[in-house]
């Protein structure tokens, strides 16, 4: 009988040690930490075109987390000359400029040079152009033709859609 009491006490002692040392998850509410991936930064550009009355001029609303040139820019004058750039977030661009009788369309890539300067290279003749962005005026212009100043535009690159859909 003494032997059974000793065995029972030893078993109780072992079970008590196991429970106290936390070697079992029975009834435990602790969870095992799971590794989570680091957060990723996502840049999004949204151009919102409001509903306009016939007398209003379209003005884009920009929400951007990256380069301020992303979007559509336009210059036009009373002679019918129209120059537009569309800079896309994937670093591609479309440029159109035309007089009423001669549209020209170029596609290519762009990259930021720093300090509000951007380089464009068209896919066809590989013409390199430096575009400057003026944050104080919210305009862009080419270093080659600084007097042609393009402003944000809520439309598209008009000549492109006419030529592509023709």
C-alpha atoms as a PDB file:
ATOM      1  CA  UNK A   1       0.000   0.000   0.000  1.00  0.00           C
ATOM      2  CA  UNK A   2       2.877   2.256   0.817  1.00  0.00           C
ATOM      3  CA  UNK A   3       4.219   1.586  -2.668  1.00  0.00           C
ATOM      4  CA  UNK A   4       0.967   2.806  -4.320  1.00  0.00           C
ATOM      5  CA  UNK A   5       0.935   5.981  -2.274  1.00  0.00           C
ATOM      6  CA  UNK A   6       4.523   6.728  -3.319  1.00  0.00           C
ATOM      7  CA  UNK A   7       3.692   6.066  -6.996  1.00  0.00           C
ATOM      8  CA  UNK A   8       0.580   8.259  -6.765  1.00  0.00           C
ATOM      9  CA  UNK A   9       2.500  11.085  -5.107  1.00  0.00           C
ATOM     10  CA  UNK A  10       5.254  10.843  -7.725  1.00  0.00           C
ATOM     11  CA  UNK A  11       2.712  10.900 -10.575  1.00  0.00           C
ATOM     12  CA  UNK A  12       0.930  13.901  -9.033  1.00  0.00           C
ATOM     13  CA  UNK A  13       4.253  15.681  -8.638  1.00  0.00           C
ATOM     14  CA  UNK A  14       5.254  15.064 -12.285  1.00  0.00           C
ATOM     15  CA  UNK A  15       1.847  16.213 -13.608  1.00  0.00           C
ATOM     16  CA  UNK A  16       1.995  19.298 -11.389  1.00  0.00           C
ATOM     17  CA  UNK A  17       5.472  20.177 -12.685  1.00  0.00           C
ATOM     18  CA  UNK A  18       4.347  19.798 -16.312  1.00  0.00           C
ATOM     19  CA  UNK A  19       1.365  22.076 -15.783  1.00  0.00           C
ATOM     20  CA  UNK A  20       3.364  24.663 -13.871  1.00  0.00           C
ATOM     21  CA  UNK A  21       6.172  24.757 -16.410  1.00  0.00           C
ATOM     22  CA  UNK A  22       3.746  25.493 -19.290  1.00  0.00           C
ATOM     23  CA  UNK A  23       4.713  22.523 -21.420  1.00  0.00           C
ATOM     24  CA  UNK A  24       1.133  21.999 -22.472  1.00  0.00           C
ATOM     25  CA  UNK A  25      -1.273  24.247 -24.334  1.00  0.00           C
ATOM     26  CA  UNK A  26      -4.349  22.599 -22.844  1.00  0.00           C
ATOM     27  CA  UNK A  27      -6.695  25.381 -21.814  1.00  0.00           C
ATOM     28  CA  UNK A  28      -4.149  28.056 -22.728  1.00  0.00           C
ATOM     29  CA  UNK A  29      -5.413  31.284 -24.295  1.00  0.00           C
ATOM     30  CA  UNK A  30      -1.978  32.366 -25.466  1.00  0.00           C
ATOM     31  CA  UNK A  31      -1.502  32.427 -29.202  1.00  0.00           C
ATOM     32  CA  UNK A  32       1.621  31.700 -31.159  1.00  0.00           C
ATOM     33  CA  UNK A  33       2.945  34.877 -32.823  1.00  0.00           C
ATOM     34  CA  UNK A  34       2.596  34.819 -36.614  1.00  0.00           C
ATOM     35  CA  UNK A  35       5.048  36.686 -38.802  1.00  0.00           C
ATOM     36  CA  UNK A  36       3.287  39.364 -40.849  1.00  0.00           C
ATOM     37  CA  UNK A  37       4.782  40.852 -44.001  1.00  0.00           C
ATOM     38  CA  UNK A  38       5.948  44.468 -43.788  1.00  0.00           C
ATOM     39  CA  UNK A  39       3.451  47.025 -45.099  1.00  0.00           C
ATOM     40  CA  UNK A  40       3.788  47.984 -48.744  1.00  0.00           C
ATOM     41  CA  UNK A  41       3.567  51.558 -49.968  1.00  0.00           C
ATOM     42  CA  UNK A  42       1.112  52.022 -52.820  1.00  0.00           C
ATOM     43  CA  UNK A  43       0.918  55.241 -54.813  1.00  0.00           C
ATOM     44  CA  UNK A  44      -2.376  56.075 -56.419  1.00  0.00           C
ATOM     45  CA  UNK A  45      -3.324  58.932 -58.698  1.00  0.00           C
ATOM     46  CA  UNK A  46      -6.970  59.801 -59.083  1.00  0.00           C
ATOM     47  CA  UNK A  47      -8.224  62.400 -61.526  1.00  0.00           C
ATOM     48  CA  UNK A  48     -11.792  63.405 -60.774  1.00  0.00           C
ATOM     49  CA  UNK A  49     -13.794  65.113 -63.489  1.00  0.00           C
ATOM     50  CA  UNK A  50     -16.739  67.004 -61.994  1.00  0.00           C
ATOM     51  CA  UNK A  51     -20.090  67.409 -63.741  1.00  0.00           C
ATOM     52  CA  UNK A  52     -20.010  70.824 -65.384  1.00  0.00           C
ATOM     53  CA  UNK A  53     -22.529  73.284 -66.669  1.00  0.00           C
ATOM     54  CA  UNK A  54     -21.929  74.544 -70.234  1.00  0.00           C
ATOM     55  CA  UNK A  55     -20.280  77.762 -68.968  1.00  0.00           C
ATOM     56  CA  UNK A  56     -17.753  76.094 -66.646  1.00  0.00           C
ATOM     57  CA  UNK A  57     -14.172  75.193 -67.589  1.00  0.00           C
ATOM     58  CA  UNK A  58     -12.999  71.713 -66.570  1.00  0.00           C
ATOM     59  CA  UNK A  59     -10.440  71.715 -63.753  1.00  0.00           C
ATOM     60  CA  UNK A  60      -9.007  68.435 -62.488  1.00  0.00           C
ATOM     61  CA  UNK A  61      -8.874  67.504 -58.841  1.00  0.00           C
ATOM     62  CA  UNK A  62      -5.607  65.722 -58.130  1.00  0.00           C
ATOM     63  CA  UNK A  63      -5.007  63.168 -55.427  1.00  0.00           C
ATOM     64  CA  UNK A  64      -1.511  61.864 -55.826  1.00  0.00           C
ATOM     65  CA  UNK A  65       1.097  60.280 -53.682  1.00  0.00           C
ATOM     66  CA  UNK A  66       3.920  60.394 -56.155  1.00  0.00           C
ATOM     67  CA  UNK A  67       4.996  62.671 -58.984  1.00  0.00           C
ATOM     68  CA  UNK A  68       3.001  65.855 -59.476  1.00  0.00           C
ATOM     69  CA  UNK A  69       3.173  65.621 -63.270  1.00  0.00           C
ATOM     70  CA  UNK A  70       1.001  62.499 -63.430  1.00  0.00           C
ATOM     71  CA  UNK A  71      -2.179  63.445 -65.265  1.00  0.00           C
ATOM     72  CA  UNK A  72      -3.130  65.416 -68.371  1.00  0.00           C
ATOM     73  CA  UNK A  73      -1.682  68.851 -69.172  1.00  0.00           C
ATOM     74  CA  UNK A  74      -2.793  71.236 -71.939  1.00  0.00           C
ATOM     75  CA  UNK A  75      -1.821  74.417 -73.761  1.00  0.00           C
ATOM     76  CA  UNK A  76      -3.984  75.898 -76.502  1.00  0.00           C
ATOM     77  CA  UNK A  77      -4.269  79.247 -78.226  1.00  0.00           C
ATOM     78  CA  UNK A  78      -6.733  81.129 -80.408  1.00  0.00           C
ATOM     79  CA  UNK A  79      -5.073  79.965 -83.648  1.00  0.00           C
ATOM     80  CA  UNK A  80      -6.180  76.381 -82.975  1.00  0.00           C
ATOM     81  CA  UNK A  81      -2.805  75.140 -81.753  1.00  0.00           C
ATOM     82  CA  UNK A  82      -3.298  72.506 -79.055  1.00  0.00           C
ATOM     83  CA  UNK A  83      -0.512  70.770 -77.121  1.00  0.00           C
ATOM     84  CA  UNK A  84      -1.230  68.046 -74.543  1.00  0.00           C
ATOM     85  CA  UNK A  85       0.747  65.651 -72.412  1.00  0.00           C
ATOM     86  CA  UNK A  86      -0.608  62.676 -70.522  1.00  0.00           C
ATOM     87  CA  UNK A  87       1.854  61.377 -67.929  1.00  0.00           C
ATOM     88  CA  UNK A  88       0.920  57.958 -66.546  1.00  0.00           C
ATOM     89  CA  UNK A  89       1.944  56.464 -63.202  1.00  0.00           C
ATOM     90  CA  UNK A  90       3.681  53.575 -65.018  1.00  0.00           C
ATOM     91  CA  UNK A  91       6.214  56.109 -66.419  1.00  0.00           C
ATOM     92  CA  UNK A  92       4.750  56.162 -69.920  1.00  0.00           C
ATOM     93  CA  UNK A  93       3.458  59.285 -71.628  1.00  0.00           C
ATOM     94  CA  UNK A  94       1.461  60.326 -74.658  1.00  0.00           C
ATOM     95  CA  UNK A  95       1.990  63.733 -76.233  1.00  0.00           C
ATOM     96  CA  UNK A  96      -0.145  65.367 -78.883  1.00  0.00           C
ATOM     97  CA  UNK A  97       0.244  68.712 -80.521  1.00  0.00           C
ATOM     98  CA  UNK A  98      -1.412  69.981 -83.591  1.00  0.00           C
ATOM     99  CA  UNK A  99      -2.673  72.806 -85.632  1.00  0.00           C
ATOM    100  CA  UNK A 100      -6.173  72.134 -86.927  1.00  0.00           C
ATOM    101  CA  UNK A 101      -4.751  70.591 -90.117  1.00  0.00           C
ATOM    102  CA  UNK A 102      -1.857  68.501 -88.761  1.00  0.00           C
ATOM    103  CA  UNK A 103      -2.019  66.369 -85.603  1.00  0.00           C
ATOM    104  CA  UNK A 104       1.160  64.807 -84.216  1.00  0.00           C
ATOM    105  CA  UNK A 105       1.197  62.076 -81.601  1.00  0.00           C
ATOM    106  CA  UNK A 106       4.165  60.680 -79.713  1.00  0.00           C
ATOM    107  CA  UNK A 107       4.339  57.957 -77.096  1.00  0.00           C
ATOM    108  CA  UNK A 108       7.255  57.173 -74.865  1.00  0.00           C
ATOM    109  CA  UNK A 109       8.628  56.950 -71.354  1.00  0.00           C
ATOM    110  CA  UNK A 110       9.488  59.497 -68.691  1.00  0.00           C
ATOM    111  CA  UNK A 111      11.608  59.564 -65.568  1.00  0.00           C
ATOM    112  CA  UNK A 112      12.120  61.980 -62.714  1.00  0.00           C
ATOM    113  CA  UNK A 113      15.478  63.740 -62.664  1.00  0.00           C
ATOM    114  CA  UNK A 114      14.916  65.431 -59.308  1.00  0.00           C
ATOM    115  CA  UNK A 115      14.118  69.001 -58.284  1.00  0.00           C
ATOM    116  CA  UNK A 116      10.929  69.110 -60.413  1.00  0.00           C
ATOM    117  CA  UNK A 117      12.690  68.114 -63.651  1.00  0.00           C
ATOM    118  CA  UNK A 118      11.606  65.188 -65.809  1.00  0.00           C
ATOM    119  CA  UNK A 119      13.076  63.574 -68.886  1.00  0.00           C
ATOM    120  CA  UNK A 120      10.858  62.257 -71.698  1.00  0.00           C
ATOM    121  CA  UNK A 121      12.001  60.043 -74.551  1.00  0.00           C
ATOM    122  CA  UNK A 122       9.585  59.201 -77.345  1.00  0.00           C
ATOM    123  CA  UNK A 123       9.468  55.663 -78.745  1.00  0.00           C
ATOM    124  CA  UNK A 124       9.596  56.645 -82.423  1.00  0.00           C
ATOM    125  CA  UNK A 125      12.569  58.975 -82.980  1.00  0.00           C
ATOM    126  CA  UNK A 126      13.996  58.811 -79.434  1.00  0.00           C
ATOM    127  CA  UNK A 127      13.794  62.577 -78.994  1.00  0.00           C
ATOM    128  CA  UNK A 128      14.869  63.533 -75.484  1.00  0.00           C
ATOM    129  CA  UNK A 129      13.079  66.457 -73.850  1.00  0.00           C
ATOM    130  CA  UNK A 130      13.400  67.956 -70.366  1.00  0.00           C
ATOM    131  CA  UNK A 131      10.099  68.957 -68.771  1.00  0.00           C
ATOM    132  CA  UNK A 132      10.068  71.316 -65.799  1.00  0.00           C
ATOM    133  CA  UNK A 133       7.276  71.401 -63.211  1.00  0.00           C
ATOM    134  CA  UNK A 134       6.592  74.658 -61.360  1.00  0.00           C
ATOM    135  CA  UNK A 135       4.880  73.836 -58.047  1.00  0.00           C
ATOM    136  CA  UNK A 136       4.147  77.487 -57.276  1.00  0.00           C
ATOM    137  CA  UNK A 137       2.210  77.918 -60.549  1.00  0.00           C
ATOM    138  CA  UNK A 138       1.170  74.228 -60.978  1.00  0.00           C
ATOM    139  CA  UNK A 139       2.273  74.198 -64.617  1.00  0.00           C
ATOM    140  CA  UNK A 140       4.756  72.296 -66.777  1.00  0.00           C
ATOM    141  CA  UNK A 141       6.881  73.484 -69.686  1.00  0.00           C
ATOM    142  CA  UNK A 142       9.683  72.218 -71.904  1.00  0.00           C
ATOM    143  CA  UNK A 143      13.180  73.604 -71.454  1.00  0.00           C
ATOM    144  CA  UNK A 144      13.252  73.857 -75.274  1.00  0.00           C
ATOM    145  CA  UNK A 145      10.063  75.977 -75.476  1.00  0.00           C
ATOM    146  CA  UNK A 146       9.583  77.655 -72.072  1.00  0.00           C
ATOM    147  CA  UNK A 147       6.886  80.039 -73.365  1.00  0.00           C
ATOM    148  CA  UNK A 148       4.478  77.129 -74.045  1.00  0.00           C
ATOM    149  CA  UNK A 149       3.150  76.559 -70.523  1.00  0.00           C
ATOM    150  CA  UNK A 150       0.788  73.625 -69.973  1.00  0.00           C
ATOM    151  CA  UNK A 151      -1.801  73.610 -67.179  1.00  0.00           C
ATOM    152  CA  UNK A 152      -3.657  70.685 -65.581  1.00  0.00           C
ATOM    153  CA  UNK A 153      -6.521  69.535 -67.790  1.00  0.00           C
ATOM    154  CA  UNK A 154      -9.528  67.349 -66.978  1.00  0.00           C
ATOM    155  CA  UNK A 155      -9.829  65.985 -70.519  1.00  0.00           C
ATOM    156  CA  UNK A 156      -7.787  63.454 -72.425  1.00  0.00           C
ATOM    157  CA  UNK A 157      -5.130  63.624 -75.091  1.00  0.00           C
ATOM    158  CA  UNK A 158      -7.563  64.515 -77.869  1.00  0.00           C
ATOM    159  CA  UNK A 159      -5.421  63.952 -80.949  1.00  0.00           C
ATOM    160  CA  UNK A 160      -4.421  60.513 -79.719  1.00  0.00           C
ATOM    161  CA  UNK A 161      -7.955  59.233 -79.443  1.00  0.00           C
ATOM    162  CA  UNK A 162      -8.806  60.592 -82.899  1.00  0.00           C
ATOM    163  CA  UNK A 163      -5.791  58.947 -84.550  1.00  0.00           C
ATOM    164  CA  UNK A 164      -5.992  55.643 -82.686  1.00  0.00           C
ATOM    165  CA  UNK A 165      -9.732  55.261 -83.291  1.00  0.00           C
ATOM    166  CA  UNK A 166      -9.544  56.302 -86.954  1.00  0.00           C
END
